[in-house]
Amino acid sequence: LKYGTESFRWEKTVSLSEIYLRLKNNFNVDVGKVK
């Protein structure tokens, strides 16, 4: 598992407004401003 461990982990930056929109569009949920 040590071989290529850098390949197994990744990061993605997503804005709070994008998280809000994804919740609204994908799950029909409105939590308001994400805190």
PDB file of all heavy atoms in Angstrom:
ATOM      1  N   LEU A   1       0.811  -1.217   0.000  1.00  0.00           N
ATOM      2  CA  LEU A   1       0.000   0.000   0.000  1.00  0.00           C
ATOM      3  C   LEU A   1       0.844   1.266   0.000  1.00  0.00           C
ATOM      4  O   LEU A   1       0.364   2.326  -0.378  1.00  0.00           O
ATOM      5  CB  LEU A   1      -0.946   0.003   1.194  1.00  0.00           C
ATOM      6  CG  LEU A   1      -2.056  -1.041   1.172  1.00  0.00           C
ATOM      7  CD1 LEU A   1      -2.884  -0.951   2.441  1.00  0.00           C
ATOM      8  CD2 LEU A   1      -2.931  -0.900  -0.050  1.00  0.00           C
ATOM      9  N   LYS A   2       2.085   1.167   0.447  1.00  0.00           N
ATOM     10  CA  LYS A   2       2.960   2.347   0.447  1.00  0.00           C
ATOM     11  C   LYS A   2       3.271   2.793  -0.974  1.00  0.00           C
ATOM     12  O   LYS A   2       3.424   3.964  -1.242  1.00  0.00           O
ATOM     13  CB  LYS A   2       4.278   2.041   1.171  1.00  0.00           C
ATOM     14  CG  LYS A   2       4.145   1.969   2.653  1.00  0.00           C
ATOM     15  CD  LYS A   2       5.492   1.692   3.275  1.00  0.00           C
ATOM     16  CE  LYS A   2       5.355   1.386   4.749  1.00  0.00           C
ATOM     17  NZ  LYS A   2       6.634   1.040   5.337  1.00  0.00           N
ATOM     18  N   TYR A   3       3.351   1.828  -1.894  1.00  0.00           N
ATOM     19  CA  TYR A   3       3.690   2.143  -3.266  1.00  0.00           C
ATOM     20  C   TYR A   3       2.596   3.029  -3.853  1.00  0.00           C
ATOM     21  O   TYR A   3       1.448   2.652  -3.960  1.00  0.00           O
ATOM     22  CB  TYR A   3       3.830   0.859  -4.088  1.00  0.00           C
ATOM     23  CG  TYR A   3       4.142   1.124  -5.525  1.00  0.00           C
ATOM     24  CD1 TYR A   3       5.430   1.466  -5.915  1.00  0.00           C
ATOM     25  CD2 TYR A   3       3.159   1.060  -6.495  1.00  0.00           C
ATOM     26  CE1 TYR A   3       5.727   1.732  -7.233  1.00  0.00           C
ATOM     27  CE2 TYR A   3       3.448   1.316  -7.816  1.00  0.00           C
ATOM     28  CZ  TYR A   3       4.734   1.651  -8.181  1.00  0.00           C
ATOM     29  OH  TYR A   3       5.015   1.911  -9.486  1.00  0.00           O
ATOM     30  N   GLY A   4       2.945   4.238  -4.193  1.00  0.00           N
ATOM     31  CA  GLY A   4       2.014   5.149  -4.847  1.00  0.00           C
ATOM     32  C   GLY A   4       0.944   5.732  -3.944  1.00  0.00           C
ATOM     33  O   GLY A   4      -0.113   6.115  -4.417  1.00  0.00           O
ATOM     34  N   THR A   5       1.198   5.814  -2.629  1.00  0.00           N
ATOM     35  CA  THR A   5       0.167   6.343  -1.734  1.00  0.00           C
ATOM     36  C   THR A   5      -0.226   7.777  -2.093  1.00  0.00           C
ATOM     37  O   THR A   5      -1.350   8.181  -1.831  1.00  0.00           O
ATOM     38  CB  THR A   5       0.614   6.301  -0.254  1.00  0.00           C
ATOM     39  OG1 THR A   5       1.900   6.890  -0.137  1.00  0.00           O
ATOM     40  CG2 THR A   5       0.605   4.903   0.293  1.00  0.00           C
ATOM     41  N   GLU A   6       0.663   8.521  -2.707  1.00  0.00           N
ATOM     42  CA  GLU A   6       0.305   9.877  -3.109  1.00  0.00           C
ATOM     43  C   GLU A   6      -0.807   9.855  -4.156  1.00  0.00           C
ATOM     44  O   GLU A   6      -1.565  10.794  -4.292  1.00  0.00           O
ATOM     45  CB  GLU A   6       1.527  10.629  -3.662  1.00  0.00           C
ATOM     46  CG  GLU A   6       2.566  10.964  -2.605  1.00  0.00           C
ATOM     47  CD  GLU A   6       3.437   9.775  -2.206  1.00  0.00           C
ATOM     48  OE1 GLU A   6       3.559   8.805  -2.977  1.00  0.00           O
ATOM     49  OE2 GLU A   6       3.986   9.803  -1.094  1.00  0.00           O
ATOM     50  N   SER A   7      -0.921   8.761  -4.895  1.00  0.00           N
ATOM     51  CA  SER A   7      -1.950   8.640  -5.920  1.00  0.00           C
ATOM     52  C   SER A   7      -3.322   8.353  -5.324  1.00  0.00           C
ATOM     53  O   SER A   7      -4.331   8.571  -5.972  1.00  0.00           O
ATOM     54  CB  SER A   7      -1.598   7.516  -6.890  1.00  0.00           C
ATOM     55  OG  SER A   7      -0.339   7.744  -7.456  1.00  0.00           O
ATOM     56  N   PHE A   8      -3.367   7.851  -4.102  1.00  0.00           N
ATOM     57  CA  PHE A   8      -4.632   7.454  -3.515  1.00  0.00           C
ATOM     58  C   PHE A   8      -5.378   8.608  -2.864  1.00  0.00           C
ATOM     59  O   PHE A   8      -6.566   8.519  -2.634  1.00  0.00           O
ATOM     60  CB  PHE A   8      -4.415   6.361  -2.463  1.00  0.00           C
ATOM     61  CG  PHE A   8      -3.909   5.083  -3.035  1.00  0.00           C
ATOM     62  CD1 PHE A   8      -2.748   4.512  -2.552  1.00  0.00           C
ATOM     63  CD2 PHE A   8      -4.581   4.433  -4.050  1.00  0.00           C
ATOM     64  CE1 PHE A   8      -2.280   3.317  -3.064  1.00  0.00           C
ATOM     65  CE2 PHE A   8      -4.127   3.244  -4.574  1.00  0.00           C
ATOM     66  CZ  PHE A   8      -2.965   2.682  -4.081  1.00  0.00           C
ATOM     67  N   ARG A   9      -4.709   9.657  -2.534  1.00  0.00           N
ATOM     68  CA  ARG A   9      -5.334  10.772  -1.835  1.00  0.00           C
ATOM     69  C   ARG A   9      -5.450  11.966  -2.776  1.00  0.00           C
ATOM     70  O   ARG A   9      -4.543  12.254  -3.533  1.00  0.00           O
ATOM     71  CB  ARG A   9      -4.517  11.181  -0.603  1.00  0.00           C
ATOM     72  CG  ARG A   9      -4.338  10.087   0.393  1.00  0.00           C
ATOM     73  CD  ARG A   9      -5.636   9.786   1.113  1.00  0.00           C
ATOM     74  NE  ARG A   9      -5.443   8.675   2.023  1.00  0.00           N
ATOM     75  CZ  ARG A   9      -6.356   7.750   2.241  1.00  0.00           C
ATOM     76  NH1 ARG A   9      -7.507   7.803   1.620  1.00  0.00           N
ATOM     77  NH2 ARG A   9      -6.131   6.770   3.082  1.00  0.00           N
ATOM     78  N   TRP A  10      -6.570  12.639  -2.708  1.00  0.00           N
ATOM     79  CA  TRP A  10      -6.768  13.817  -3.533  1.00  0.00           C
ATOM     80  C   TRP A  10      -7.563  14.847  -2.753  1.00  0.00           C
ATOM     81  O   TRP A  10      -8.210  14.542  -1.763  1.00  0.00           O
ATOM     82  CB  TRP A  10      -7.451  13.471  -4.846  1.00  0.00           C
ATOM     83  CG  TRP A  10      -8.732  12.717  -4.709  1.00  0.00           C
ATOM     84  CD1 TRP A  10      -8.892  11.366  -4.657  1.00  0.00           C
ATOM     85  CD2 TRP A  10     -10.051  13.275  -4.593  1.00  0.00           C
ATOM     86  NE1 TRP A  10     -10.215  11.057  -4.508  1.00  0.00           N
ATOM     87  CE2 TRP A  10     -10.952  12.195  -4.476  1.00  0.00           C
ATOM     88  CE3 TRP A  10     -10.540  14.567  -4.570  1.00  0.00           C
ATOM     89  CZ2 TRP A  10     -12.312  12.387  -4.347  1.00  0.00           C
ATOM     90  CZ3 TRP A  10     -11.911  14.758  -4.440  1.00  0.00           C
ATOM     91  CH2 TRP A  10     -12.770  13.661  -4.337  1.00  0.00           C
ATOM     92  N   GLU A  11      -7.485  16.061  -3.218  1.00  0.00           N
ATOM     93  CA  GLU A  11      -8.217  17.165  -2.609  1.00  0.00           C
ATOM     94  C   GLU A  11      -8.945  17.923  -3.700  1.00  0.00           C
ATOM     95  O   GLU A  11      -8.486  17.984  -4.828  1.00  0.00           O
ATOM     96  CB  GLU A  11      -7.266  18.138  -1.919  1.00  0.00           C
ATOM     97  CG  GLU A  11      -6.577  17.594  -0.715  1.00  0.00           C
ATOM     98  CD  GLU A  11      -5.659  18.629  -0.071  1.00  0.00           C
ATOM     99  OE1 GLU A  11      -5.788  19.829  -0.398  1.00  0.00           O
ATOM    100  OE2 GLU A  11      -4.831  18.224   0.744  1.00  0.00           O
ATOM    101  N   LYS A  12     -10.062  18.483  -3.340  1.00  0.00           N
ATOM    102  CA  LYS A  12     -10.790  19.355  -4.254  1.00  0.00           C
ATOM    103  C   LYS A  12     -11.356  20.495  -3.428  1.00  0.00           C
ATOM    104  O   LYS A  12     -11.982  20.271  -2.396  1.00  0.00           O
ATOM    105  CB  LYS A  12     -11.918  18.601  -4.948  1.00  0.00           C
ATOM    106  CG  LYS A  12     -12.738  19.510  -5.835  1.00  0.00           C
ATOM    107  CD  LYS A  12     -13.689  18.743  -6.688  1.00  0.00           C
ATOM    108  CE  LYS A  12     -14.623  19.698  -7.377  1.00  0.00           C
ATOM    109  NZ  LYS A  12     -14.374  19.937  -8.735  1.00  0.00           N
ATOM    110  N   THR A  13     -11.112  21.695  -3.857  1.00  0.00           N
ATOM    111  CA  THR A  13     -11.638  22.866  -3.171  1.00  0.00           C
ATOM    112  C   THR A  13     -12.989  23.217  -3.773  1.00  0.00           C
ATOM    113  O   THR A  13     -13.121  23.341  -4.992  1.00  0.00           O
ATOM    114  CB  THR A  13     -10.663  24.047  -3.317  1.00  0.00           C
ATOM    115  OG1 THR A  13      -9.396  23.658  -2.784  1.00  0.00           O
ATOM    116  CG2 THR A  13     -11.174  25.270  -2.586  1.00  0.00           C
ATOM    117  N   VAL A  14     -13.975  23.365  -2.903  1.00  0.00           N
ATOM    118  CA  VAL A  14     -15.332  23.695  -3.328  1.00  0.00           C
ATOM    119  C   VAL A  14     -15.802  24.856  -2.450  1.00  0.00           C
ATOM    120  O   VAL A  14     -15.664  24.808  -1.232  1.00  0.00           O
ATOM    121  CB  VAL A  14     -16.277  22.482  -3.152  1.00  0.00           C
ATOM    122  CG1 VAL A  14     -17.682  22.819  -3.596  1.00  0.00           C
ATOM    123  CG2 VAL A  14     -15.753  21.272  -3.907  1.00  0.00           C
ATOM    124  N   SER A  15     -16.342  25.882  -3.069  1.00  0.00           N
ATOM    125  CA  SER A  15     -16.813  27.042  -2.303  1.00  0.00           C
ATOM    126  C   SER A  15     -18.060  26.680  -1.489  1.00  0.00           C
ATOM    127  O   SER A  15     -18.781  25.728  -1.818  1.00  0.00           O
ATOM    128  CB  SER A  15     -17.132  28.211  -3.234  1.00  0.00           C
ATOM    129  OG  SER A  15     -18.292  27.914  -3.994  1.00  0.00           O
ATOM    130  N   LEU A  16     -18.298  27.426  -0.433  1.00  0.00           N
ATOM    131  CA  LEU A  16     -19.482  27.192   0.387  1.00  0.00           C
ATOM    132  C   LEU A  16     -20.760  27.405  -0.408  1.00  0.00           C
ATOM    133  O   LEU A  16     -21.741  26.687  -0.217  1.00  0.00           O
ATOM    134  CB  LEU A  16     -19.447  28.092   1.625  1.00  0.00           C
ATOM    135  CG  LEU A  16     -18.309  27.822   2.608  1.00  0.00           C
ATOM    136  CD1 LEU A  16     -18.361  28.825   3.758  1.00  0.00           C
ATOM    137  CD2 LEU A  16     -18.357  26.406   3.128  1.00  0.00           C
ATOM    138  N   SER A  17     -20.741  28.378  -1.306  1.00  0.00           N
ATOM    139  CA  SER A  17     -21.930  28.614  -2.131  1.00  0.00           C
ATOM    140  C   SER A  17     -22.180  27.444  -3.076  1.00  0.00           C
ATOM    141  O   SER A  17     -23.333  27.090  -3.337  1.00  0.00           O
ATOM    142  CB  SER A  17     -21.813  29.926  -2.895  1.00  0.00           C
ATOM    143  OG  SER A  17     -20.689  29.913  -3.739  1.00  0.00           O
ATOM    144  N   GLU A  18     -21.114  26.798  -3.564  1.00  0.00           N
ATOM    145  CA  GLU A  18     -21.286  25.631  -4.424  1.00  0.00           C
ATOM    146  C   GLU A  18     -21.851  24.456  -3.631  1.00  0.00           C
ATOM    147  O   GLU A  18     -22.703  23.716  -4.123  1.00  0.00           O
ATOM    148  CB  GLU A  18     -19.965  25.238  -5.071  1.00  0.00           C
ATOM    149  CG  GLU A  18     -20.113  24.135  -6.084  1.00  0.00           C
ATOM    150  CD  GLU A  18     -18.834  23.828  -6.840  1.00  0.00           C
ATOM    151  OE1 GLU A  18     -17.859  24.592  -6.762  1.00  0.00           O
ATOM    152  OE2 GLU A  18     -18.814  22.792  -7.514  1.00  0.00           O
ATOM    153  N   ILE A  19     -21.425  24.294  -2.388  1.00  0.00           N
ATOM    154  CA  ILE A  19     -21.969  23.238  -1.532  1.00  0.00           C
ATOM    155  C   ILE A  19     -23.459  23.482  -1.299  1.00  0.00           C
ATOM    156  O   ILE A  19     -24.281  22.569  -1.397  1.00  0.00           O
ATOM    157  CB  ILE A  19     -21.200  23.159  -0.201  1.00  0.00           C
ATOM    158  CG1 ILE A  19     -19.780  22.649  -0.470  1.00  0.00           C
ATOM    159  CG2 ILE A  19     -21.920  22.258   0.794  1.00  0.00           C
ATOM    160  CD1 ILE A  19     -18.854  22.733   0.709  1.00  0.00           C
ATOM    161  N   TYR A  20     -23.808  24.735  -1.024  1.00  0.00           N
ATOM    162  CA  TYR A  20     -25.219  25.097  -0.850  1.00  0.00           C
ATOM    163  C   TYR A  20     -26.030  24.712  -2.088  1.00  0.00           C
ATOM    164  O   TYR A  20     -27.087  24.080  -1.987  1.00  0.00           O
ATOM    165  CB  TYR A  20     -25.354  26.598  -0.567  1.00  0.00           C
ATOM    166  CG  TYR A  20     -26.776  27.076  -0.659  1.00  0.00           C
ATOM    167  CD1 TYR A  20     -27.651  26.900   0.404  1.00  0.00           C
ATOM    168  CD2 TYR A  20     -27.251  27.664  -1.822  1.00  0.00           C
ATOM    169  CE1 TYR A  20     -28.973  27.333   0.316  1.00  0.00           C
ATOM    170  CE2 TYR A  20     -28.566  28.088  -1.926  1.00  0.00           C
ATOM    171  CZ  TYR A  20     -29.422  27.913  -0.862  1.00  0.00           C
ATOM    172  OH  TYR A  20     -30.727  28.318  -0.959  1.00  0.00           O
ATOM    173  N   LEU A  21     -25.521  25.081  -3.265  1.00  0.00           N
ATOM    174  CA  LEU A  21     -26.243  24.793  -4.510  1.00  0.00           C
ATOM    175  C   LEU A  21     -26.347  23.299  -4.782  1.00  0.00           C
ATOM    176  O   LEU A  21     -27.380  22.815  -5.248  1.00  0.00           O
ATOM    177  CB  LEU A  21     -25.570  25.497  -5.687  1.00  0.00           C
ATOM    178  CG  LEU A  21     -25.743  27.014  -5.730  1.00  0.00           C
ATOM    179  CD1 LEU A  21     -24.908  27.609  -6.861  1.00  0.00           C
ATOM    180  CD2 LEU A  21     -27.210  27.377  -5.889  1.00  0.00           C
ATOM    181  N   ARG A  22     -25.301  22.550  -4.492  1.00  0.00           N
ATOM    182  CA  ARG A  22     -25.351  21.096  -4.704  1.00  0.00           C
ATOM    183  C   ARG A  22     -26.362  20.436  -3.775  1.00  0.00           C
ATOM    184  O   ARG A  22     -27.075  19.524  -4.182  1.00  0.00           O
ATOM    185  CB  ARG A  22     -23.973  20.484  -4.525  1.00  0.00           C
ATOM    186  CG  ARG A  22     -23.057  20.815  -5.679  1.00  0.00           C
ATOM    187  CD  ARG A  22     -21.751  20.107  -5.567  1.00  0.00           C
ATOM    188  NE  ARG A  22     -20.852  20.556  -6.618  1.00  0.00           N
ATOM    189  CZ  ARG A  22     -19.804  19.880  -7.000  1.00  0.00           C
ATOM    190  NH1 ARG A  22     -19.490  18.739  -6.436  1.00  0.00           N
ATOM    191  NH2 ARG A  22     -19.027  20.339  -7.960  1.00  0.00           N
ATOM    192  N   LEU A  23     -26.430  20.893  -2.533  1.00  0.00           N
ATOM    193  CA  LEU A  23     -27.442  20.359  -1.620  1.00  0.00           C
ATOM    194  C   LEU A  23     -28.843  20.660  -2.144  1.00  0.00           C
ATOM    195  O   LEU A  23     -29.720  19.801  -2.138  1.00  0.00           O
ATOM    196  CB  LEU A  23     -27.291  20.964  -0.225  1.00  0.00           C
ATOM    197  CG  LEU A  23     -26.245  20.381   0.690  1.00  0.00           C
ATOM    198  CD1 LEU A  23     -26.206  21.159   2.004  1.00  0.00           C
ATOM    199  CD2 LEU A  23     -26.500  18.924   0.961  1.00  0.00           C
ATOM    200  N   LYS A  24     -29.019  21.880  -2.579  1.00  0.00           N
ATOM    201  CA  LYS A  24     -30.329  22.317  -3.083  1.00  0.00           C
ATOM    202  C   LYS A  24     -30.718  21.544  -4.351  1.00  0.00           C
ATOM    203  O   LYS A  24     -31.829  21.026  -4.446  1.00  0.00           O
ATOM    204  CB  LYS A  24     -30.263  23.817  -3.367  1.00  0.00           C
ATOM    205  CG  LYS A  24     -31.572  24.440  -3.723  1.00  0.00           C
ATOM    206  CD  LYS A  24     -32.185  25.053  -2.506  1.00  0.00           C
ATOM    207  CE  LYS A  24     -33.317  25.949  -2.935  1.00  0.00           C
ATOM    208  NZ  LYS A  24     -34.439  25.834  -2.040  1.00  0.00           N
ATOM    209  N   ASN A  25     -29.793  21.436  -5.294  1.00  0.00           N
ATOM    210  CA  ASN A  25     -30.097  20.804  -6.576  1.00  0.00           C
ATOM    211  C   ASN A  25     -30.126  19.277  -6.520  1.00  0.00           C
ATOM    212  O   ASN A  25     -30.972  18.645  -7.141  1.00  0.00           O
ATOM    213  CB  ASN A  25     -29.099  21.251  -7.642  1.00  0.00           C
ATOM    214  CG  ASN A  25     -29.210  22.730  -7.937  1.00  0.00           C
ATOM    215  OD1 ASN A  25     -30.246  23.343  -7.757  1.00  0.00           O
ATOM    216  ND2 ASN A  25     -28.121  23.323  -8.379  1.00  0.00           N
ATOM    217  N   ASN A  26     -29.194  18.669  -5.783  1.00  0.00           N
ATOM    218  CA  ASN A  26     -29.082  17.207  -5.770  1.00  0.00           C
ATOM    219  C   ASN A  26     -29.979  16.544  -4.730  1.00  0.00           C
ATOM    220  O   ASN A  26     -30.394  15.410  -4.917  1.00  0.00           O
ATOM    221  CB  ASN A  26     -27.636  16.776  -5.523  1.00  0.00           C
ATOM    222  CG  ASN A  26     -26.704  17.179  -6.649  1.00  0.00           C
ATOM    223  OD1 ASN A  26     -27.141  17.554  -7.725  1.00  0.00           O
ATOM    224  ND2 ASN A  26     -25.425  17.122  -6.397  1.00  0.00           N
ATOM    225  N   PHE A  27     -30.232  17.228  -3.613  1.00  0.00           N
ATOM    226  CA  PHE A  27     -30.971  16.608  -2.518  1.00  0.00           C
ATOM    227  C   PHE A  27     -32.229  17.380  -2.112  1.00  0.00           C
ATOM    228  O   PHE A  27     -32.913  16.994  -1.181  1.00  0.00           O
ATOM    229  CB  PHE A  27     -30.053  16.444  -1.291  1.00  0.00           C
ATOM    230  CG  PHE A  27     -28.812  15.653  -1.588  1.00  0.00           C
ATOM    231  CD1 PHE A  27     -27.585  16.289  -1.757  1.00  0.00           C
ATOM    232  CD2 PHE A  27     -28.861  14.281  -1.715  1.00  0.00           C
ATOM    233  CE1 PHE A  27     -26.437  15.575  -2.033  1.00  0.00           C
ATOM    234  CE2 PHE A  27     -27.722  13.548  -1.995  1.00  0.00           C
ATOM    235  CZ  PHE A  27     -26.513  14.189  -2.150  1.00  0.00           C
ATOM    236  N   ASN A  28     -32.488  18.514  -2.782  1.00  0.00           N
ATOM    237  CA  ASN A  28     -33.645  19.360  -2.477  1.00  0.00           C
ATOM    238  C   ASN A  28     -33.649  19.787  -1.001  1.00  0.00           C
ATOM    239  O   ASN A  28     -34.672  19.714  -0.324  1.00  0.00           O
ATOM    240  CB  ASN A  28     -34.955  18.656  -2.852  1.00  0.00           C
ATOM    241  CG  ASN A  28     -36.094  19.629  -2.995  1.00  0.00           C
ATOM    242  OD1 ASN A  28     -35.895  20.789  -3.344  1.00  0.00           O
ATOM    243  ND2 ASN A  28     -37.290  19.164  -2.707  1.00  0.00           N
ATOM    244  N   VAL A  29     -32.474  20.206  -0.514  1.00  0.00           N
ATOM    245  CA  VAL A  29     -32.291  20.593   0.881  1.00  0.00           C
ATOM    246  C   VAL A  29     -31.759  22.019   0.931  1.00  0.00           C
ATOM    247  O   VAL A  29     -30.846  22.371   0.189  1.00  0.00           O
ATOM    248  CB  VAL A  29     -31.287  19.634   1.578  1.00  0.00           C
ATOM    249  CG1 VAL A  29     -30.925  20.135   2.957  1.00  0.00           C
ATOM    250  CG2 VAL A  29     -31.848  18.237   1.635  1.00  0.00           C
ATOM    251  N   ASP A  30     -32.332  22.825   1.823  1.00  0.00           N
ATOM    252  CA  ASP A  30     -31.874  24.201   2.017  1.00  0.00           C
ATOM    253  C   ASP A  30     -31.436  24.377   3.468  1.00  0.00           C
ATOM    254  O   ASP A  30     -32.268  24.513   4.357  1.00  0.00           O
ATOM    255  CB  ASP A  30     -32.992  25.181   1.669  1.00  0.00           C
ATOM    256  CG  ASP A  30     -32.581  26.637   1.805  1.00  0.00           C
ATOM    257  OD1 ASP A  30     -31.399  26.911   2.138  1.00  0.00           O
ATOM    258  OD2 ASP A  30     -33.435  27.514   1.596  1.00  0.00           O
ATOM    259  N   VAL A  31     -30.127  24.345   3.698  1.00  0.00           N
ATOM    260  CA  VAL A  31     -29.596  24.539   5.059  1.00  0.00           C
ATOM    261  C   VAL A  31     -29.252  26.002   5.320  1.00  0.00           C
ATOM    262  O   VAL A  31     -28.791  26.341   6.400  1.00  0.00           O
ATOM    263  CB  VAL A  31     -28.349  23.661   5.326  1.00  0.00           C
ATOM    264  CG1 VAL A  31     -28.696  22.192   5.273  1.00  0.00           C
ATOM    265  CG2 VAL A  31     -27.207  24.003   4.396  1.00  0.00           C
ATOM    266  N   GLY A  32     -29.469  26.861   4.337  1.00  0.00           N
ATOM    267  CA  GLY A  32     -29.089  28.259   4.481  1.00  0.00           C
ATOM    268  C   GLY A  32     -27.598  28.430   4.205  1.00  0.00           C
ATOM    269  O   GLY A  32     -26.983  27.613   3.522  1.00  0.00           O
ATOM    270  N   LYS A  33     -27.038  29.471   4.753  1.00  0.00           N
ATOM    271  CA  LYS A  33     -25.605  29.737   4.572  1.00  0.00           C
ATOM    272  C   LYS A  33     -24.795  28.655   5.287  1.00  0.00           C
ATOM    273  O   LYS A  33     -24.950  28.434   6.489  1.00  0.00           O
ATOM    274  CB  LYS A  33     -25.253  31.111   5.136  1.00  0.00           C
ATOM    275  CG  LYS A  33     -23.819  31.496   4.917  1.00  0.00           C
ATOM    276  CD  LYS A  33     -23.526  32.884   5.454  1.00  0.00           C
ATOM    277  CE  LYS A  33     -22.062  33.218   5.237  1.00  0.00           C
ATOM    278  NZ  LYS A  33     -21.715  34.524   5.789  1.00  0.00           N
ATOM    279  N   VAL A  34     -23.931  27.971   4.541  1.00  0.00           N
ATOM    280  CA  VAL A  34     -23.131  26.879   5.104  1.00  0.00           C
ATOM    281  C   VAL A  34     -22.112  27.442   6.078  1.00  0.00           C
ATOM    282  O   VAL A  34     -21.349  28.343   5.753  1.00  0.00           O
ATOM    283  CB  VAL A  34     -22.436  26.065   3.988  1.00  0.00           C
ATOM    284  CG1 VAL A  34     -21.556  24.976   4.580  1.00  0.00           C
ATOM    285  CG2 VAL A  34     -23.464  25.456   3.040  1.00  0.00           C
ATOM    286  N   LYS A  35     -22.121  26.900   7.302  1.00  0.00           N
ATOM    287  CA  LYS A  35     -21.227  27.382   8.357  1.00  0.00           C
ATOM    288  C   LYS A  35     -20.162  26.367   8.733  1.00  0.00           C
ATOM    289  O   LYS A  35     -19.096  26.732   9.209  1.00  0.00           O
ATOM    290  CB  LYS A  35     -22.042  27.747   9.594  1.00  0.00           C
ATOM    291  CG  LYS A  35     -23.002  28.886   9.343  1.00  0.00           C
ATOM    292  CD  LYS A  35     -23.741  29.256  10.608  1.00  0.00           C
ATOM    293  CE  LYS A  35     -24.579  30.472  10.342  1.00  0.00           C
ATOM    294  NZ  LYS A  35     -24.255  31.566  11.201  1.00  0.00           N
TER     295      LYS A  35
END
